[in-house]
PDB file of all heavy atoms in Angstrom:
ATOM      1  N   ALA A   1     100.060 116.327 104.513  1.00  0.00           N
ATOM      2  CA  ALA A   1      98.770 116.953 104.629  1.00  0.00           C
ATOM      3  C   ALA A   1      97.932 116.227 105.685  1.00  0.00           C
ATOM      4  O   ALA A   1      97.293 116.939 106.513  1.00  0.00           O
ATOM      5  CB  ALA A   1      98.013 116.843 103.254  1.00  0.00           C
ATOM      6  N   LEU A   2      98.027 114.947 105.758  1.00  0.00           N
ATOM      7  CA  LEU A   2      97.260 114.231 106.729  1.00  0.00           C
ATOM      8  C   LEU A   2      97.783 114.522 108.198  1.00  0.00           C
ATOM      9  O   LEU A   2      97.017 114.762 109.156  1.00  0.00           O
ATOM     10  CB  LEU A   2      97.406 112.725 106.572  1.00  0.00           C
ATOM     11  CG  LEU A   2      96.582 112.181 105.339  1.00  0.00           C
ATOM     12  CD1 LEU A   2      97.120 110.798 104.939  1.00  0.00           C
ATOM     13  CD2 LEU A   2      95.096 112.145 105.683  1.00  0.00           C
ATOM     14  N   PHE A   3      99.108 114.771 108.319  1.00  0.00           N
ATOM     15  CA  PHE A   3      99.634 115.132 109.696  1.00  0.00           C
ATOM     16  C   PHE A   3      99.220 116.606 110.038  1.00  0.00           C
ATOM     17  O   PHE A   3      98.765 116.865 111.140  1.00  0.00           O
ATOM     18  CB  PHE A   3     101.084 115.079 109.695  1.00  0.00           C
ATOM     19  CG  PHE A   3     101.753 115.237 111.072  1.00  0.00           C
ATOM     20  CD1 PHE A   3     101.493 114.291 111.985  1.00  0.00           C
ATOM     21  CD2 PHE A   3     102.424 116.332 111.368  1.00  0.00           C
ATOM     22  CE1 PHE A   3     102.012 114.461 113.334  1.00  0.00           C
ATOM     23  CE2 PHE A   3     102.861 116.574 112.647  1.00  0.00           C
ATOM     24  CZ  PHE A   3     102.717 115.599 113.577  1.00  0.00           C
ATOM     25  N   ALA A   4      99.246 117.445 109.084  1.00  0.00           N
ATOM     26  CA  ALA A   4      98.963 118.793 109.343  1.00  0.00           C
ATOM     27  C   ALA A   4      97.516 119.066 109.672  1.00  0.00           C
ATOM     28  O   ALA A   4      97.135 119.782 110.593  1.00  0.00           O
ATOM     29  CB  ALA A   4      99.393 119.776 108.210  1.00  0.00           C
ATOM     30  N   ASP A   5      96.613 118.339 108.935  1.00  0.00           N
ATOM     31  CA  ASP A   5      95.246 118.636 109.059  1.00  0.00           C
ATOM     32  C   ASP A   5      94.445 117.702 110.049  1.00  0.00           C
ATOM     33  O   ASP A   5      93.429 118.052 110.511  1.00  0.00           O
ATOM     34  CB  ASP A   5      94.613 118.324 107.702  1.00  0.00           C
ATOM     35  CG  ASP A   5      95.026 119.410 106.648  1.00  0.00           C
ATOM     36  OD1 ASP A   5      95.776 120.243 107.044  1.00  0.00           O
ATOM     37  OD2 ASP A   5      94.582 119.240 105.444  1.00  0.00           O
ATOM     38  N   THR A   6      95.191 116.512 110.389  1.00  0.00           N
ATOM     39  CA  THR A   6      94.456 115.604 111.323  1.00  0.00           C
ATOM     40  C   THR A   6      95.351 115.228 112.526  1.00  0.00           C
ATOM     41  O   THR A   6      94.913 114.549 113.454  1.00  0.00           O
ATOM     42  CB  THR A   6      93.960 114.318 110.649  1.00  0.00           C
ATOM     43  OG1 THR A   6      95.042 113.474 110.399  1.00  0.00           O
ATOM     44  CG2 THR A   6      93.280 114.648 109.305  1.00  0.00           C
ATOM     45  N   HIS A   7      96.621 115.504 112.365  1.00  0.00           N
ATOM     46  CA  HIS A   7      97.625 115.029 113.332  1.00  0.00           C
ATOM     47  C   HIS A   7      97.523 113.600 113.461  1.00  0.00           C
ATOM     48  O   HIS A   7      98.044 112.966 114.473  1.00  0.00           O
ATOM     49  CB  HIS A   7      97.435 115.809 114.783  1.00  0.00           C
ATOM     50  CG  HIS A   7      97.915 117.229 114.627  1.00  0.00           C
ATOM     51  ND1 HIS A   7      97.475 118.067 115.622  1.00  0.00           N
ATOM     52  CD2 HIS A   7      98.746 117.873 113.772  1.00  0.00           C
ATOM     53  CE1 HIS A   7      98.105 119.255 115.289  1.00  0.00           C
ATOM     54  NE2 HIS A   7      98.856 119.096 114.191  1.00  0.00           N
ATOM     55  N   ASN A   8      97.366 112.806 112.424  1.00  0.00           N
ATOM     56  CA  ASN A   8      97.483 111.449 112.310  1.00  0.00           C
ATOM     57  C   ASN A   8      98.840 111.139 111.523  1.00  0.00           C
ATOM     58  O   ASN A   8      98.941 111.810 110.496  1.00  0.00           O
ATOM     59  CB  ASN A   8      96.294 110.722 111.676  1.00  0.00           C
ATOM     60  CG  ASN A   8      95.140 110.447 112.603  1.00  0.00           C
ATOM     61  OD1 ASN A   8      95.086 109.443 113.172  1.00  0.00           O
ATOM     62  ND2 ASN A   8      94.373 111.453 112.847  1.00  0.00           N
ATOM     63  N   VAL A   9      99.653 110.100 111.981  1.00  0.00           N
ATOM     64  CA  VAL A   9     100.752 109.721 111.124  1.00  0.00           C
ATOM     65  C   VAL A   9     100.323 108.674 110.194  1.00  0.00           C
ATOM     66  O   VAL A   9      99.655 107.719 110.528  1.00  0.00           O
ATOM     67  CB  VAL A   9     101.828 109.152 112.169  1.00  0.00           C
ATOM     68  CG1 VAL A   9     103.023 108.626 111.273  1.00  0.00           C
ATOM     69  CG2 VAL A   9     102.329 110.323 113.072  1.00  0.00           C
ATOM     70  N   ALA A  10     100.612 108.885 108.933  1.00  0.00           N
ATOM     71  CA  ALA A  10     100.331 107.834 107.868  1.00  0.00           C
ATOM     72  C   ALA A  10     101.647 107.317 107.281  1.00  0.00           C
ATOM     73  O   ALA A  10     102.623 108.114 107.002  1.00  0.00           O
ATOM     74  CB  ALA A  10      99.519 108.444 106.799  1.00  0.00           C
ATOM     75  N   GLU A  11     101.831 106.025 107.113  1.00  0.00           N
ATOM     76  CA  GLU A  11     102.913 105.468 106.489  1.00  0.00           C
ATOM     77  C   GLU A  11     102.766 105.809 104.954  1.00  0.00           C
ATOM     78  O   GLU A  11     101.633 106.161 104.571  1.00  0.00           O
ATOM     79  CB  GLU A  11     103.127 104.006 106.733  1.00  0.00           C
ATOM     80  CG  GLU A  11     102.000 103.149 106.397  1.00  0.00           C
ATOM     81  CD  GLU A  11     102.222 101.665 106.808  1.00  0.00           C
ATOM     82  OE1 GLU A  11     102.661 100.958 106.120  1.00  0.00           O
ATOM     83  OE2 GLU A  11     101.659 101.392 108.042  1.00  0.00           O
ATOM     84  N   GLY A  12     103.749 105.421 104.068  1.00  0.00           N
ATOM     85  CA  GLY A  12     103.594 105.784 102.645  1.00  0.00           C
ATOM     86  C   GLY A  12     102.237 105.189 101.976  1.00  0.00           C
ATOM     87  O   GLY A  12     101.489 105.905 101.513  1.00  0.00           O
ATOM     88  N   ALA A  13     102.125 103.928 102.240  1.00  0.00           N
ATOM     89  CA  ALA A  13     100.912 103.210 101.639  1.00  0.00           C
ATOM     90  C   ALA A  13      99.648 103.703 102.239  1.00  0.00           C
ATOM     91  O   ALA A  13      98.652 103.861 101.745  1.00  0.00           O
ATOM     92  CB  ALA A  13     100.950 101.657 101.785  1.00  0.00           C
ATOM     93  N   GLY A  14      99.752 104.099 103.560  1.00  0.00           N
ATOM     94  CA  GLY A  14      98.580 104.614 104.310  1.00  0.00           C
ATOM     95  C   GLY A  14      98.095 106.006 103.870  1.00  0.00           C
ATOM     96  O   GLY A  14      96.982 106.358 104.027  1.00  0.00           O
ATOM     97  N   ALA A  15      98.992 106.713 103.216  1.00  0.00           N
ATOM     98  CA  ALA A  15      98.734 108.082 102.725  1.00  0.00           C
ATOM     99  C   ALA A  15      98.266 107.990 101.169  1.00  0.00           C
ATOM    100  O   ALA A  15      97.938 109.060 100.707  1.00  0.00           O
ATOM    101  CB  ALA A  15      99.836 109.009 102.941  1.00  0.00           C
ATOM    102  N   ALA A  16      98.534 106.851 100.547  1.00  0.00           N
ATOM    103  CA  ALA A  16      98.421 106.761  99.165  1.00  0.00           C
ATOM    104  C   ALA A  16      96.947 107.133  98.669  1.00  0.00           C
ATOM    105  O   ALA A  16      96.838 107.730  97.622  1.00  0.00           O
ATOM    106  CB  ALA A  16      98.799 105.439  98.616  1.00  0.00           C
ATOM    107  N   ALA A  17      95.921 106.721  99.404  1.00  0.00           N
ATOM    108  CA  ALA A  17      94.583 106.976  98.981  1.00  0.00           C
ATOM    109  C   ALA A  17      94.283 108.529  98.963  1.00  0.00           C
ATOM    110  O   ALA A  17      93.666 108.952  98.030  1.00  0.00           O
ATOM    111  CB  ALA A  17      93.631 106.294  99.962  1.00  0.00           C
ATOM    112  N   PHE A  18      94.817 109.151  99.968  1.00  0.00           N
ATOM    113  CA  PHE A  18      94.566 110.634 100.061  1.00  0.00           C
ATOM    114  C   PHE A  18      95.411 111.266  98.893  1.00  0.00           C
ATOM    115  O   PHE A  18      95.026 112.310  98.288  1.00  0.00           O
ATOM    116  CB  PHE A  18      94.882 111.324 101.361  1.00  0.00           C
ATOM    117  CG  PHE A  18      94.548 112.690 101.410  1.00  0.00           C
ATOM    118  CD1 PHE A  18      93.179 113.080 101.387  1.00  0.00           C
ATOM    119  CD2 PHE A  18      95.454 113.713 101.544  1.00  0.00           C
ATOM    120  CE1 PHE A  18      92.766 114.413 101.460  1.00  0.00           C
ATOM    121  CE2 PHE A  18      95.099 115.048 101.598  1.00  0.00           C
ATOM    122  CZ  PHE A  18      93.722 115.348 101.601  1.00  0.00           C
ATOM    123  N   ALA A  19      96.612 110.723  98.669  1.00  0.00           N
ATOM    124  CA  ALA A  19      97.430 111.227  97.493  1.00  0.00           C
ATOM    125  C   ALA A  19      96.637 111.133  96.239  1.00  0.00           C
ATOM    126  O   ALA A  19      96.587 112.116  95.416  1.00  0.00           O
ATOM    127  CB  ALA A  19      98.677 110.467  97.340  1.00  0.00           C
ATOM    128  N   ALA A  20      95.862 110.084  96.002  1.00  0.00           N
ATOM    129  CA  ALA A  20      95.112 109.867  94.795  1.00  0.00           C
ATOM    130  C   ALA A  20      93.910 110.898  94.769  1.00  0.00           C
ATOM    131  O   ALA A  20      93.632 111.483  93.715  1.00  0.00           O
ATOM    132  CB  ALA A  20      94.693 108.436  94.723  1.00  0.00           C
ATOM    133  N   ALA A  21      93.346 111.030  95.918  1.00  0.00           N
ATOM    134  CA  ALA A  21      92.157 111.974  95.998  1.00  0.00           C
ATOM    135  C   ALA A  21      92.653 113.354  95.711  1.00  0.00           C
ATOM    136  O   ALA A  21      91.910 114.166  95.041  1.00  0.00           O
ATOM    137  CB  ALA A  21      91.553 111.922  97.405  1.00  0.00           C
ATOM    138  N   MET A  22      93.867 113.744  96.134  1.00  0.00           N
ATOM    139  CA  MET A  22      94.352 115.105  95.905  1.00  0.00           C
ATOM    140  C   MET A  22      94.629 115.188  94.295  1.00  0.00           C
ATOM    141  O   MET A  22      94.355 116.145  93.616  1.00  0.00           O
ATOM    142  CB  MET A  22      95.612 115.405  96.630  1.00  0.00           C
ATOM    143  CG  MET A  22      95.365 115.651  98.064  1.00  0.00           C
ATOM    144  SD  MET A  22      96.639 116.596  98.894  1.00  0.00           S
ATOM    145  CE  MET A  22      98.029 115.360  98.743  1.00  0.00           C
ATOM    146  N   GLN A  23      95.152 114.170  93.727  1.00  0.00           N
ATOM    147  CA  GLN A  23      95.429 114.034  92.314  1.00  0.00           C
ATOM    148  C   GLN A  23      94.102 114.373  91.548  1.00  0.00           C
ATOM    149  O   GLN A  23      94.182 114.912  90.494  1.00  0.00           O
ATOM    150  CB  GLN A  23      96.086 112.701  91.958  1.00  0.00           C
ATOM    151  CG  GLN A  23      96.597 112.663  90.589  1.00  0.00           C
ATOM    152  CD  GLN A  23      97.108 111.191  90.273  1.00  0.00           C
ATOM    153  OE1 GLN A  23      96.379 110.388  89.798  1.00  0.00           O
ATOM    154  NE2 GLN A  23      98.352 110.931  90.586  1.00  0.00           N
ATOM    155  N   GLN A  24      93.047 113.749  91.921  1.00  0.00           N
ATOM    156  CA  GLN A  24      91.773 113.839  91.287  1.00  0.00           C
ATOM    157  C   GLN A  24      90.775 114.795  91.825  1.00  0.00           C
ATOM    158  O   GLN A  24      89.632 114.630  91.729  1.00  0.00           O
ATOM    159  CB  GLN A  24      91.201 112.350  91.297  1.00  0.00           C
ATOM    160  CG  GLN A  24      91.904 111.455  90.488  1.00  0.00           C
ATOM    161  CD  GLN A  24      91.090 110.203  90.003  1.00  0.00           C
ATOM    162  OE1 GLN A  24      89.948 110.048  90.436  1.00  0.00           O
ATOM    163  NE2 GLN A  24      91.546 109.396  89.155  1.00  0.00           N
ATOM    164  N   ARG A  25      91.261 115.788  92.571  1.00  0.00           N
ATOM    165  CA  ARG A  25      90.416 116.745  93.232  1.00  0.00           C
ATOM    166  C   ARG A  25      89.367 117.375  92.316  1.00  0.00           C
ATOM    167  O   ARG A  25      88.155 117.686  92.778  1.00  0.00           O
ATOM    168  CB  ARG A  25      91.235 117.814  94.069  1.00  0.00           C
ATOM    169  CG  ARG A  25      92.081 118.665  93.223  1.00  0.00           C
ATOM    170  CD  ARG A  25      92.519 119.940  93.954  1.00  0.00           C
ATOM    171  NE  ARG A  25      93.329 119.547  95.179  1.00  0.00           N
ATOM    172  CZ  ARG A  25      94.603 119.425  95.231  1.00  0.00           C
ATOM    173  NH1 ARG A  25      95.297 119.522  94.064  1.00  0.00           N
ATOM    174  NH2 ARG A  25      95.214 119.181  96.374  1.00  0.00           N
ATOM    175  N   GLU A  26      89.766 117.785  91.163  1.00  0.00           N
ATOM    176  CA  GLU A  26      88.714 118.448  90.272  1.00  0.00           C
ATOM    177  C   GLU A  26      87.589 117.544  89.931  1.00  0.00           C
ATOM    178  O   GLU A  26      86.560 117.912  89.784  1.00  0.00           O
ATOM    179  CB  GLU A  26      89.524 118.963  89.044  1.00  0.00           C
ATOM    180  CG  GLU A  26      90.475 120.076  89.285  1.00  0.00           C
ATOM    181  CD  GLU A  26      89.817 121.287  89.983  1.00  0.00           C
ATOM    182  OE1 GLU A  26      88.649 121.587  89.787  1.00  0.00           O
ATOM    183  OE2 GLU A  26      90.485 121.743  90.923  1.00  0.00           O
ATOM    184  N   ARG A  27      87.887 116.252  89.741  1.00  0.00           N
ATOM    185  CA  ARG A  27      86.903 115.392  89.357  1.00  0.00           C
ATOM    186  C   ARG A  27      85.791 115.057  90.527  1.00  0.00           C
ATOM    187  O   ARG A  27      84.593 114.903  90.127  1.00  0.00           O
ATOM    188  CB  ARG A  27      87.430 113.982  89.023  1.00  0.00           C
ATOM    189  CG  ARG A  27      86.345 112.908  88.643  1.00  0.00           C
ATOM    190  CD  ARG A  27      87.099 111.576  88.314  1.00  0.00           C
ATOM    191  NE  ARG A  27      86.058 110.619  87.995  1.00  0.00           N
ATOM    192  CZ  ARG A  27      86.169 109.269  87.851  1.00  0.00           C
ATOM    193  NH1 ARG A  27      87.441 108.828  87.984  1.00  0.00           N
ATOM    194  NH2 ARG A  27      85.237 108.471  87.628  1.00  0.00           N
TER     195      ARG A  27
END
């Protein structure tokens, strides 16, 4: 998602924050 939407490369830990945000999107 980060690459498609921003064209930034994120390593695994680098993408974890956005992964959590997607997990909690309804909140």
